[in-house]
Amino acid sequence: MSDDYPVGEVPTACELLVAMAVEARRLADEVDAGARKRLLVIAHTSQLLAREWAAAETPAASGVLAARQLATAIRAAEHDHELGAILARVRSEVRARVEISAPGYAD
């Protein structure tokens, strides 16, 4: 991915999620069946998160600006004090979505 962005340009969170999904799908072709399924779940979840993140930010122009501002704030460690809460919420949402799409998979 570093080849996709010139020095000094930083991808947005949505771009990072999409890149993570692409890489997870690529790696899924190189591993055993159990790891393949987990990587495909990661890829799918990353794409869902990117889509939801992008959809939540409207209008599009201000959404891009807000995403860039959030990415800048995260890089500046402005949200470090709430990372535990953010991670817990993301995990909870991911588990709920996985349970819908693949009941029993998370067990």
PDB file of N, CA and C in Angstrom:
ATOM      1  N   MET A   1       0.806  -1.182   0.000  1.00  0.00           N
ATOM      2  CA  MET A   1       0.000   0.000   0.000  1.00  0.00           C
ATOM      3  C   MET A   1       0.855   1.254   0.000  1.00  0.00           C
ATOM      4  N   SER A   2       2.032   1.212   0.556  1.00  0.00           N
ATOM      5  CA  SER A   2       2.865   2.400   0.614  1.00  0.00           C
ATOM      6  C   SER A   2       3.178   2.935  -0.781  1.00  0.00           C
ATOM      7  N   ASP A   3       3.114   2.086  -1.802  1.00  0.00           N
ATOM      8  CA  ASP A   3       3.361   2.540  -3.164  1.00  0.00           C
ATOM      9  C   ASP A   3       2.195   3.357  -3.709  1.00  0.00           C
ATOM     10  N   ASP A   4       1.019   3.237  -3.104  1.00  0.00           N
ATOM     11  CA  ASP A   4      -0.169   3.919  -3.599  1.00  0.00           C
ATOM     12  C   ASP A   4      -0.245   5.375  -3.170  1.00  0.00           C
ATOM     13  N   TYR A   5       0.511   5.777  -2.167  1.00  0.00           N
ATOM     14  CA  TYR A   5       0.433   7.134  -1.635  1.00  0.00           C
ATOM     15  C   TYR A   5       1.809   7.773  -1.649  1.00  0.00           C
ATOM     16  N   PRO A   6       1.905   8.957  -2.275  1.00  0.00           N
ATOM     17  CA  PRO A   6       3.185   9.663  -2.268  1.00  0.00           C
ATOM     18  C   PRO A   6       3.592  10.022  -0.844  1.00  0.00           C
ATOM     19  N   VAL A   7       4.870  10.227  -0.647  1.00  0.00           N
ATOM     20  CA  VAL A   7       5.375  10.613   0.669  1.00  0.00           C
ATOM     21  C   VAL A   7       4.652  11.876   1.115  1.00  0.00           C
ATOM     22  N   GLY A   8       4.201  11.883   2.358  1.00  0.00           N
ATOM     23  CA  GLY A   8       3.508  13.036   2.891  1.00  0.00           C
ATOM     24  C   GLY A   8       1.994  12.942   2.800  1.00  0.00           C
ATOM     25  N   GLU A   9       1.470  12.077   1.932  1.00  0.00           N
ATOM     26  CA  GLU A   9       0.023  11.884   1.844  1.00  0.00           C
ATOM     27  C   GLU A   9      -0.351  10.667   2.671  1.00  0.00           C
ATOM     28  N   VAL A  10      -1.382  10.828   3.459  1.00  0.00           N
ATOM     29  CA  VAL A  10      -1.816   9.748   4.347  1.00  0.00           C
ATOM     30  C   VAL A  10      -3.218   9.315   3.927  1.00  0.00           C
ATOM     31  N   PRO A  11      -3.441   8.014   3.776  1.00  0.00           N
ATOM     32  CA  PRO A  11      -4.778   7.552   3.390  1.00  0.00           C
ATOM     33  C   PRO A  11      -5.799   7.805   4.492  1.00  0.00           C
ATOM     34  N   THR A  12      -7.049   7.924   4.086  1.00  0.00           N
ATOM     35  CA  THR A  12      -8.118   8.100   5.061  1.00  0.00           C
ATOM     36  C   THR A  12      -8.406   6.758   5.730  1.00  0.00           C
ATOM     37  N   ALA A  13      -9.201   6.810   6.790  1.00  0.00           N
ATOM     38  CA  ALA A  13      -9.584   5.582   7.482  1.00  0.00           C
ATOM     39  C   ALA A  13     -10.338   4.648   6.545  1.00  0.00           C
ATOM     40  N   CYS A  14     -11.227   5.193   5.727  1.00  0.00           N
ATOM     41  CA  CYS A  14     -11.970   4.355   4.777  1.00  0.00           C
ATOM     42  C   CYS A  14     -11.022   3.701   3.777  1.00  0.00           C
ATOM     43  N   GLU A  15     -10.070   4.462   3.286  1.00  0.00           N
ATOM     44  CA  GLU A  15      -9.095   3.907   2.346  1.00  0.00           C
ATOM     45  C   GLU A  15      -8.276   2.801   3.000  1.00  0.00           C
ATOM     46  N   LEU A  16      -7.924   2.984   4.263  1.00  0.00           N
ATOM     47  CA  LEU A  16      -7.173   1.953   4.980  1.00  0.00           C
ATOM     48  C   LEU A  16      -8.010   0.678   5.162  1.00  0.00           C
ATOM     49  N   LEU A  17      -9.286   0.844   5.476  1.00  0.00           N
ATOM     50  CA  LEU A  17     -10.162  -0.319   5.638  1.00  0.00           C
ATOM     51  C   LEU A  17     -10.301  -1.082   4.328  1.00  0.00           C
ATOM     52  N   VAL A  18     -10.438  -0.376   3.224  1.00  0.00           N
ATOM     53  CA  VAL A  18     -10.536  -1.032   1.914  1.00  0.00           C
ATOM     54  C   VAL A  18      -9.226  -1.738   1.588  1.00  0.00           C
ATOM     55  N   ALA A  19      -8.109  -1.088   1.851  1.00  0.00           N
ATOM     56  CA  ALA A  19      -6.808  -1.717   1.591  1.00  0.00           C
ATOM     57  C   ALA A  19      -6.627  -2.963   2.447  1.00  0.00           C
ATOM     58  N   MET A  20      -7.094  -2.910   3.698  1.00  0.00           N
ATOM     59  CA  MET A  20      -7.014  -4.077   4.579  1.00  0.00           C
ATOM     60  C   MET A  20      -7.857  -5.222   4.022  1.00  0.00           C
ATOM     61  N   ALA A  21      -9.026  -4.906   3.503  1.00  0.00           N
ATOM     62  CA  ALA A  21      -9.891  -5.937   2.924  1.00  0.00           C
ATOM     63  C   ALA A  21      -9.231  -6.579   1.710  1.00  0.00           C
ATOM     64  N   VAL A  22      -8.643  -5.761   0.864  1.00  0.00           N
ATOM     65  CA  VAL A  22      -7.971  -6.280  -0.336  1.00  0.00           C
ATOM     66  C   VAL A  22      -6.822  -7.206   0.063  1.00  0.00           C
ATOM     67  N   GLU A  23      -6.023  -6.788   1.023  1.00  0.00           N
ATOM     68  CA  GLU A  23      -4.883  -7.601   1.460  1.00  0.00           C
ATOM     69  C   GLU A  23      -5.343  -8.897   2.123  1.00  0.00           C
ATOM     70  N   ALA A  24      -6.393  -8.829   2.934  1.00  0.00           N
ATOM     71  CA  ALA A  24      -6.909 -10.040   3.592  1.00  0.00           C
ATOM     72  C   ALA A  24      -7.419 -11.033   2.549  1.00  0.00           C
ATOM     73  N   ARG A  25      -8.100 -10.544   1.517  1.00  0.00           N
ATOM     74  CA  ARG A  25      -8.575 -11.441   0.446  1.00  0.00           C
ATOM     75  C   ARG A  25      -7.394 -12.067  -0.301  1.00  0.00           C
ATOM     76  N   ARG A  26      -6.344 -11.278  -0.531  1.00  0.00           N
ATOM     77  CA  ARG A  26      -5.163 -11.811  -1.226  1.00  0.00           C
ATOM     78  C   ARG A  26      -4.509 -12.907  -0.386  1.00  0.00           C
ATOM     79  N   LEU A  27      -4.376 -12.647   0.903  1.00  0.00           N
ATOM     80  CA  LEU A  27      -3.750 -13.629   1.792  1.00  0.00           C
ATOM     81  C   LEU A  27      -4.607 -14.884   1.950  1.00  0.00           C
ATOM     82  N   ALA A  28      -5.919 -14.740   1.839  1.00  0.00           N
ATOM     83  CA  ALA A  28      -6.827 -15.876   2.009  1.00  0.00           C
ATOM     84  C   ALA A  28      -6.546 -16.979   0.993  1.00  0.00           C
ATOM     85  N   ASP A  29      -6.027 -16.610  -0.160  1.00  0.00           N
ATOM     86  CA  ASP A  29      -5.718 -17.606  -1.192  1.00  0.00           C
ATOM     87  C   ASP A  29      -4.445 -18.385  -0.885  1.00  0.00           C
ATOM     88  N   GLU A  30      -3.700 -17.959   0.126  1.00  0.00           N
ATOM     89  CA  GLU A  30      -2.401 -18.563   0.405  1.00  0.00           C
ATOM     90  C   GLU A  30      -2.356 -19.389   1.690  1.00  0.00           C
ATOM     91  N   VAL A  31      -3.496 -19.557   2.367  1.00  0.00           N
ATOM     92  CA  VAL A  31      -3.490 -20.226   3.664  1.00  0.00           C
ATOM     93  C   VAL A  31      -4.478 -21.395   3.685  1.00  0.00           C
ATOM     94  N   ASP A  32      -4.445 -22.152   4.801  1.00  0.00           N
ATOM     95  CA  ASP A  32      -5.339 -23.299   4.945  1.00  0.00           C
ATOM     96  C   ASP A  32      -6.790 -22.829   5.110  1.00  0.00           C
ATOM     97  N   ALA A  33      -7.717 -23.770   5.066  1.00  0.00           N
ATOM     98  CA  ALA A  33      -9.153 -23.461   5.060  1.00  0.00           C
ATOM     99  C   ALA A  33      -9.605 -22.688   6.297  1.00  0.00           C
ATOM    100  N   GLY A  34      -9.119 -23.063   7.473  1.00  0.00           N
ATOM    101  CA  GLY A  34      -9.529 -22.369   8.694  1.00  0.00           C
ATOM    102  C   GLY A  34      -9.088 -20.922   8.701  1.00  0.00           C
ATOM    103  N   ALA A  35      -7.841 -20.688   8.359  1.00  0.00           N
ATOM    104  CA  ALA A  35      -7.327 -19.316   8.308  1.00  0.00           C
ATOM    105  C   ALA A  35      -7.976 -18.549   7.162  1.00  0.00           C
ATOM    106  N   ARG A  36      -8.262 -19.249   6.069  1.00  0.00           N
ATOM    107  CA  ARG A  36      -8.918 -18.606   4.920  1.00  0.00           C
ATOM    108  C   ARG A  36     -10.264 -18.025   5.334  1.00  0.00           C
ATOM    109  N   LYS A  37     -11.051 -18.797   6.056  1.00  0.00           N
ATOM    110  CA  LYS A  37     -12.373 -18.315   6.463  1.00  0.00           C
ATOM    111  C   LYS A  37     -12.244 -17.093   7.366  1.00  0.00           C
ATOM    112  N   ARG A  38     -11.300 -17.128   8.302  1.00  0.00           N
ATOM    113  CA  ARG A  38     -11.103 -15.979   9.190  1.00  0.00           C
ATOM    114  C   ARG A  38     -10.661 -14.739   8.412  1.00  0.00           C
ATOM    115  N   LEU A  39      -9.770 -14.919   7.446  1.00  0.00           N
ATOM    116  CA  LEU A  39      -9.319 -13.787   6.636  1.00  0.00           C
ATOM    117  C   LEU A  39     -10.455 -13.221   5.782  1.00  0.00           C
ATOM    118  N   LEU A  40     -11.303 -14.090   5.271  1.00  0.00           N
ATOM    119  CA  LEU A  40     -12.437 -13.613   4.482  1.00  0.00           C
ATOM    120  C   LEU A  40     -13.440 -12.860   5.352  1.00  0.00           C
ATOM    121  N   VAL A  41     -13.602 -13.295   6.607  1.00  0.00           N
ATOM    122  CA  VAL A  41     -14.465 -12.557   7.537  1.00  0.00           C
ATOM    123  C   VAL A  41     -13.863 -11.180   7.813  1.00  0.00           C
ATOM    124  N   ILE A  42     -12.555 -11.126   8.009  1.00  0.00           N
ATOM    125  CA  ILE A  42     -11.878  -9.845   8.223  1.00  0.00           C
ATOM    126  C   ILE A  42     -12.057  -8.941   7.009  1.00  0.00           C
ATOM    127  N   ALA A  43     -11.885  -9.494   5.821  1.00  0.00           N
ATOM    128  CA  ALA A  43     -12.037  -8.704   4.595  1.00  0.00           C
ATOM    129  C   ALA A  43     -13.458  -8.159   4.476  1.00  0.00           C
ATOM    130  N   HIS A  44     -14.424  -9.031   4.697  1.00  0.00           N
ATOM    131  CA  HIS A  44     -15.825  -8.620   4.581  1.00  0.00           C
ATOM    132  C   HIS A  44     -16.166  -7.554   5.626  1.00  0.00           C
ATOM    133  N   THR A  45     -15.722  -7.766   6.846  1.00  0.00           N
ATOM    134  CA  THR A  45     -15.990  -6.817   7.921  1.00  0.00           C
ATOM    135  C   THR A  45     -15.335  -5.471   7.630  1.00  0.00           C
ATOM    136  N   SER A  46     -14.129  -5.492   7.107  1.00  0.00           N
ATOM    137  CA  SER A  46     -13.431  -4.250   6.760  1.00  0.00           C
ATOM    138  C   SER A  46     -14.195  -3.484   5.692  1.00  0.00           C
ATOM    139  N   GLN A  47     -14.691  -4.205   4.697  1.00  0.00           N
ATOM    140  CA  GLN A  47     -15.465  -3.546   3.647  1.00  0.00           C
ATOM    141  C   GLN A  47     -16.765  -2.968   4.202  1.00  0.00           C
ATOM    142  N   LEU A  48     -17.420  -3.702   5.097  1.00  0.00           N
ATOM    143  CA  LEU A  48     -18.647  -3.196   5.720  1.00  0.00           C
ATOM    144  C   LEU A  48     -18.367  -1.933   6.529  1.00  0.00           C
ATOM    145  N   LEU A  49     -17.295  -1.969   7.317  1.00  0.00           N
ATOM    146  CA  LEU A  49     -16.942  -0.795   8.121  1.00  0.00           C
ATOM    147  C   LEU A  49     -16.651   0.410   7.236  1.00  0.00           C
ATOM    148  N   ALA A  50     -15.919   0.192   6.154  1.00  0.00           N
ATOM    149  CA  ALA A  50     -15.602   1.289   5.238  1.00  0.00           C
ATOM    150  C   ALA A  50     -16.884   1.856   4.625  1.00  0.00           C
ATOM    151  N   ARG A  51     -17.776   0.969   4.205  1.00  0.00           N
ATOM    152  CA  ARG A  51     -19.039   1.412   3.601  1.00  0.00           C
ATOM    153  C   ARG A  51     -19.885   2.193   4.601  1.00  0.00           C
ATOM    154  N   GLU A  52     -20.017   1.665   5.821  1.00  0.00           N
ATOM    155  CA  GLU A  52     -20.828   2.325   6.835  1.00  0.00           C
ATOM    156  C   GLU A  52     -20.220   3.666   7.233  1.00  0.00           C
ATOM    157  N   TRP A  53     -18.914   3.697   7.363  1.00  0.00           N
ATOM    158  CA  TRP A  53     -18.230   4.932   7.727  1.00  0.00           C
ATOM    159  C   TRP A  53     -18.497   5.997   6.671  1.00  0.00           C
ATOM    160  N   ALA A  54     -18.339   5.605   5.410  1.00  0.00           N
ATOM    161  CA  ALA A  54     -18.545   6.549   4.313  1.00  0.00           C
ATOM    162  C   ALA A  54     -20.007   7.003   4.247  1.00  0.00           C
ATOM    163  N   ALA A  55     -20.935   6.089   4.471  1.00  0.00           N
ATOM    164  CA  ALA A  55     -22.359   6.419   4.383  1.00  0.00           C
ATOM    165  C   ALA A  55     -22.805   7.335   5.515  1.00  0.00           C
ATOM    166  N   ALA A  56     -22.157   7.235   6.643  1.00  0.00           N
ATOM    167  CA  ALA A  56     -22.539   8.043   7.804  1.00  0.00           C
ATOM    168  C   ALA A  56     -22.134   9.502   7.654  1.00  0.00           C
ATOM    169  N   GLU A  57     -21.275   9.769   6.729  1.00  0.00           N
ATOM    170  CA  GLU A  57     -20.754  11.128   6.555  1.00  0.00           C
ATOM    171  C   GLU A  57     -21.347  11.759   5.304  1.00  0.00           C
ATOM    172  N   THR A  58     -22.307  12.648   5.490  1.00  0.00           N
ATOM    173  CA  THR A  58     -22.926  13.330   4.361  1.00  0.00           C
ATOM    174  C   THR A  58     -22.980  14.821   4.658  1.00  0.00           C
ATOM    175  N   PRO A  59     -22.946  15.672   3.711  1.00  0.00           N
ATOM    176  CA  PRO A  59     -22.726  15.397   2.299  1.00  0.00           C
ATOM    177  C   PRO A  59     -21.304  14.911   2.039  1.00  0.00           C
ATOM    178  N   ALA A  60     -21.071  14.407   0.860  1.00  0.00           N
ATOM    179  CA  ALA A  60     -19.808  13.743   0.548  1.00  0.00           C
ATOM    180  C   ALA A  60     -18.597  14.627   0.805  1.00  0.00           C
ATOM    181  N   ALA A  61     -18.639  15.873   0.391  1.00  0.00           N
ATOM    182  CA  ALA A  61     -17.471  16.746   0.562  1.00  0.00           C
ATOM    183  C   ALA A  61     -17.126  16.941   2.030  1.00  0.00           C
ATOM    184  N   SER A  62     -18.128  17.191   2.864  1.00  0.00           N
ATOM    185  CA  SER A  62     -17.837  17.380   4.280  1.00  0.00           C
ATOM    186  C   SER A  62     -17.476  16.051   4.931  1.00  0.00           C
ATOM    187  N   GLY A  63     -17.986  14.945   4.374  1.00  0.00           N
ATOM    188  CA  GLY A  63     -17.643  13.623   4.889  1.00  0.00           C
ATOM    189  C   GLY A  63     -16.166  13.313   4.707  1.00  0.00           C
ATOM    190  N   VAL A  64     -15.649  13.647   3.557  1.00  0.00           N
ATOM    191  CA  VAL A  64     -14.221  13.428   3.299  1.00  0.00           C
ATOM    192  C   VAL A  64     -13.396  14.282   4.247  1.00  0.00           C
ATOM    193  N   LEU A  65     -13.799  15.530   4.414  1.00  0.00           N
ATOM    194  CA  LEU A  65     -13.081  16.416   5.326  1.00  0.00           C
ATOM    195  C   LEU A  65     -13.140  15.888   6.757  1.00  0.00           C
ATOM    196  N   ALA A  66     -14.329  15.444   7.189  1.00  0.00           N
ATOM    197  CA  ALA A  66     -14.477  14.919   8.547  1.00  0.00           C
ATOM    198  C   ALA A  66     -13.613  13.670   8.738  1.00  0.00           C
ATOM    199  N   ALA A  67     -13.580  12.784   7.739  1.00  0.00           N
ATOM    200  CA  ALA A  67     -12.760  11.575   7.835  1.00  0.00           C
ATOM    201  C   ALA A  67     -11.279  11.934   7.951  1.00  0.00           C
ATOM    202  N   ARG A  68     -10.861  12.903   7.169  1.00  0.00           N
ATOM    203  CA  ARG A  68      -9.458  13.332   7.232  1.00  0.00           C
ATOM    204  C   ARG A  68      -9.148  13.976   8.577  1.00  0.00           C
ATOM    205  N   GLN A  69     -10.079  14.764   9.096  1.00  0.00           N
ATOM    206  CA  GLN A  69      -9.875  15.386  10.403  1.00  0.00           C
ATOM    207  C   GLN A  69      -9.817  14.334  11.503  1.00  0.00           C
ATOM    208  N   LEU A  70     -10.690  13.328  11.420  1.00  0.00           N
ATOM    209  CA  LEU A  70     -10.660  12.253  12.404  1.00  0.00           C
ATOM    210  C   LEU A  70      -9.351  11.480  12.316  1.00  0.00           C
ATOM    211  N   ALA A  71      -8.911  11.171  11.097  1.00  0.00           N
ATOM    212  CA  ALA A  71      -7.646  10.462  10.926  1.00  0.00           C
ATOM    213  C   ALA A  71      -6.489  11.270  11.515  1.00  0.00           C
ATOM    214  N   THR A  72      -6.510  12.567  11.290  1.00  0.00           N
ATOM    215  CA  THR A  72      -5.472  13.436  11.845  1.00  0.00           C
ATOM    216  C   THR A  72      -5.519  13.416  13.371  1.00  0.00           C
ATOM    217  N   ALA A  73      -6.728  13.481  13.928  1.00  0.00           N
ATOM    218  CA  ALA A  73      -6.880  13.452  15.384  1.00  0.00           C
ATOM    219  C   ALA A  73      -6.398  12.132  15.969  1.00  0.00           C
ATOM    220  N   ILE A  74      -6.690  11.031  15.283  1.00  0.00           N
ATOM    221  CA  ILE A  74      -6.232   9.718  15.759  1.00  0.00           C
ATOM    222  C   ILE A  74      -4.714   9.649  15.721  1.00  0.00           C
ATOM    223  N   ARG A  75      -4.113  10.111  14.623  1.00  0.00           N
ATOM    224  CA  ARG A  75      -2.647  10.102  14.523  1.00  0.00           C
ATOM    225  C   ARG A  75      -2.005  10.990  15.579  1.00  0.00           C
ATOM    226  N   ALA A  76      -2.694  12.046  15.981  1.00  0.00           N
ATOM    227  CA  ALA A  76      -2.176  12.965  16.991  1.00  0.00           C
ATOM    228  C   ALA A  76      -2.476  12.479  18.412  1.00  0.00           C
ATOM    229  N   ALA A  77      -3.007  11.286  18.521  1.00  0.00           N
ATOM    230  CA  ALA A  77      -3.306  10.641  19.806  1.00  0.00           C
ATOM    231  C   ALA A  77      -4.396  11.357  20.593  1.00  0.00           C
ATOM    232  N   GLU A  78      -5.263  12.083  19.899  1.00  0.00           N
ATOM    233  CA  GLU A  78      -6.320  12.815  20.582  1.00  0.00           C
ATOM    234  C   GLU A  78      -7.446  11.906  21.086  1.00  0.00           C
ATOM    235  N   HIS A  79      -7.509  10.678  20.586  1.00  0.00           N
ATOM    236  CA  HIS A  79      -8.557   9.742  21.008  1.00  0.00           C
ATOM    237  C   HIS A  79      -7.998   8.568  21.807  1.00  0.00           C
ATOM    238  N   ASP A  80      -6.738   8.651  22.175  1.00  0.00           N
ATOM    239  CA  ASP A  80      -6.117   7.541  22.909  1.00  0.00           C
ATOM    240  C   ASP A  80      -6.844   7.233  24.217  1.00  0.00           C
ATOM    241  N   HIS A  81      -7.379   8.230  24.867  1.00  0.00           N
ATOM    242  CA  HIS A  81      -8.053   8.024  26.146  1.00  0.00           C
ATOM    243  C   HIS A  81      -9.357   7.237  25.996  1.00  0.00           C
ATOM    244  N   GLU A  82      -9.882   7.143  24.778  1.00  0.00           N
ATOM    245  CA  GLU A  82     -11.128   6.414  24.582  1.00  0.00           C
ATOM    246  C   GLU A  82     -10.988   5.209  23.661  1.00  0.00           C
ATOM    247  N   LEU A  83      -9.769   4.770  23.416  1.00  0.00           N
ATOM    248  CA  LEU A  83      -9.551   3.635  22.514  1.00  0.00           C
ATOM    249  C   LEU A  83     -10.199   2.357  23.035  1.00  0.00           C
ATOM    250  N   GLY A  84     -10.152   2.144  24.332  1.00  0.00           N
ATOM    251  CA  GLY A  84     -10.774   0.949  24.905  1.00  0.00           C
ATOM    252  C   GLY A  84     -12.263   0.910  24.623  1.00  0.00           C
ATOM    253  N   ALA A  85     -12.931   2.018  24.808  1.00  0.00           N
ATOM    254  CA  ALA A  85     -14.379   2.093  24.553  1.00  0.00           C
ATOM    255  C   ALA A  85     -14.673   1.941  23.068  1.00  0.00           C
ATOM    256  N   ILE A  86     -13.853   2.558  22.229  1.00  0.00           N
ATOM    257  CA  ILE A  86     -14.052   2.441  20.785  1.00  0.00           C
ATOM    258  C   ILE A  86     -13.863   0.994  20.349  1.00  0.00           C
ATOM    259  N   LEU A  87     -12.803   0.354  20.822  1.00  0.00           N
ATOM    260  CA  LEU A  87     -12.530  -1.038  20.467  1.00  0.00           C
ATOM    261  C   LEU A  87     -13.644  -1.958  20.954  1.00  0.00           C
ATOM    262  N   ALA A  88     -14.133  -1.736  22.160  1.00  0.00           N
ATOM    263  CA  ALA A  88     -15.228  -2.570  22.684  1.00  0.00           C
ATOM    264  C   ALA A  88     -16.476  -2.432  21.815  1.00  0.00           C
ATOM    265  N   ARG A  89     -16.778  -1.204  21.400  1.00  0.00           N
ATOM    266  CA  ARG A  89     -17.960  -0.996  20.552  1.00  0.00           C
ATOM    267  C   ARG A  89     -17.797  -1.669  19.193  1.00  0.00           C
ATOM    268  N   VAL A  90     -16.627  -1.516  18.584  1.00  0.00           N
ATOM    269  CA  VAL A  90     -16.385  -2.136  17.280  1.00  0.00           C
ATOM    270  C   VAL A  90     -16.476  -3.657  17.396  1.00  0.00           C
ATOM    271  N   ARG A  91     -15.846  -4.220  18.430  1.00  0.00           N
ATOM    272  CA  ARG A  91     -15.914  -5.678  18.620  1.00  0.00           C
ATOM    273  C   ARG A  91     -17.350  -6.143  18.784  1.00  0.00           C
ATOM    274  N   SER A  92     -18.132  -5.420  19.568  1.00  0.00           N
ATOM    275  CA  SER A  92     -19.525  -5.788  19.793  1.00  0.00           C
ATOM    276  C   SER A  92     -20.313  -5.747  18.486  1.00  0.00           C
ATOM    277  N   GLU A  93     -20.115  -4.697  17.711  1.00  0.00           N
ATOM    278  CA  GLU A  93     -20.831  -4.573  16.444  1.00  0.00           C
ATOM    279  C   GLU A  93     -20.402  -5.649  15.454  1.00  0.00           C
ATOM    280  N   VAL A  94     -19.116  -5.945  15.415  1.00  0.00           N
ATOM    281  CA  VAL A  94     -18.622  -6.976  14.504  1.00  0.00           C
ATOM    282  C   VAL A  94     -19.182  -8.340  14.900  1.00  0.00           C
ATOM    283  N   ARG A  95     -19.162  -8.652  16.198  1.00  0.00           N
ATOM    284  CA  ARG A  95     -19.723  -9.929  16.662  1.00  0.00           C
ATOM    285  C   ARG A  95     -21.196 -10.051  16.285  1.00  0.00           C
ATOM    286  N   ALA A  96     -21.950  -8.986  16.472  1.00  0.00           N
ATOM    287  CA  ALA A  96     -23.381  -9.015  16.148  1.00  0.00           C
ATOM    288  C   ALA A  96     -23.597  -9.253  14.657  1.00  0.00           C
ATOM    289  N   ARG A  97     -22.800  -8.600  13.838  1.00  0.00           N
ATOM    290  CA  ARG A  97     -22.946  -8.775  12.384  1.00  0.00           C
ATOM    291  C   ARG A  97     -22.502 -10.161  11.935  1.00  0.00           C
ATOM    292  N   VAL A  98     -21.426 -10.663  12.522  1.00  0.00           N
ATOM    293  CA  VAL A  98     -20.965 -12.012  12.174  1.00  0.00           C
ATOM    294  C   VAL A  98     -22.005 -13.036  12.598  1.00  0.00           C
ATOM    295  N   GLU A  99     -22.628 -12.836  13.746  1.00  0.00           N
ATOM    296  CA  GLU A  99     -23.655 -13.768  14.222  1.00  0.00           C
ATOM    297  C   GLU A  99     -24.843 -13.804  13.261  1.00  0.00           C
ATOM    298  N   ILE A 100     -25.147 -12.683  12.654  1.00  0.00           N
ATOM    299  CA  ILE A 100     -26.240 -12.637  11.678  1.00  0.00           C
ATOM    300  C   ILE A 100     -25.852 -13.372  10.396  1.00  0.00           C
ATOM    301  N   SER A 101     -24.647 -13.094   9.895  1.00  0.00           N
ATOM    302  CA  SER A 101     -24.233 -13.676   8.614  1.00  0.00           C
ATOM    303  C   SER A 101     -23.732 -15.109   8.726  1.00  0.00           C
ATOM    304  N   ALA A 102     -23.189 -15.477   9.894  1.00  0.00           N
ATOM    305  CA  ALA A 102     -22.659 -16.833  10.077  1.00  0.00           C
ATOM    306  C   ALA A 102     -22.907 -17.266  11.524  1.00  0.00           C
ATOM    307  N   PRO A 103     -24.146 -17.648  11.850  1.00  0.00           N
ATOM    308  CA  PRO A 103     -24.473 -18.028  13.228  1.00  0.00           C
ATOM    309  C   PRO A 103     -23.523 -19.101  13.760  1.00  0.00           C
ATOM    310  N   GLY A 104     -23.033 -18.881  14.971  1.00  0.00           N
ATOM    311  CA  GLY A 104     -22.143 -19.841  15.607  1.00  0.00           C
ATOM    312  C   GLY A 104     -20.684 -19.722  15.238  1.00  0.00           C
ATOM    313  N   TYR A 105     -20.345 -18.904  14.234  1.00  0.00           N
ATOM    314  CA  TYR A 105     -18.949 -18.802  13.792  1.00  0.00           C
ATOM    315  C   TYR A 105     -18.038 -18.261  14.887  1.00  0.00           C
ATOM    316  N   ALA A 106     -18.495 -17.288  15.646  1.00  0.00           N
ATOM    317  CA  ALA A 106     -17.661 -16.647  16.649  1.00  0.00           C
ATOM    318  C   ALA A 106     -17.439 -17.514  17.884  1.00  0.00           C
ATOM    319  N   ASP A 107     -18.182 -18.602  18.012  1.00  0.00           N
ATOM    320  CA  ASP A 107     -18.061 -19.456  19.206  1.00  0.00           C
ATOM    321  C   ASP A 107     -16.800 -20.265  19.216  1.00  0.00           C
TER     322      ASP A 107
END
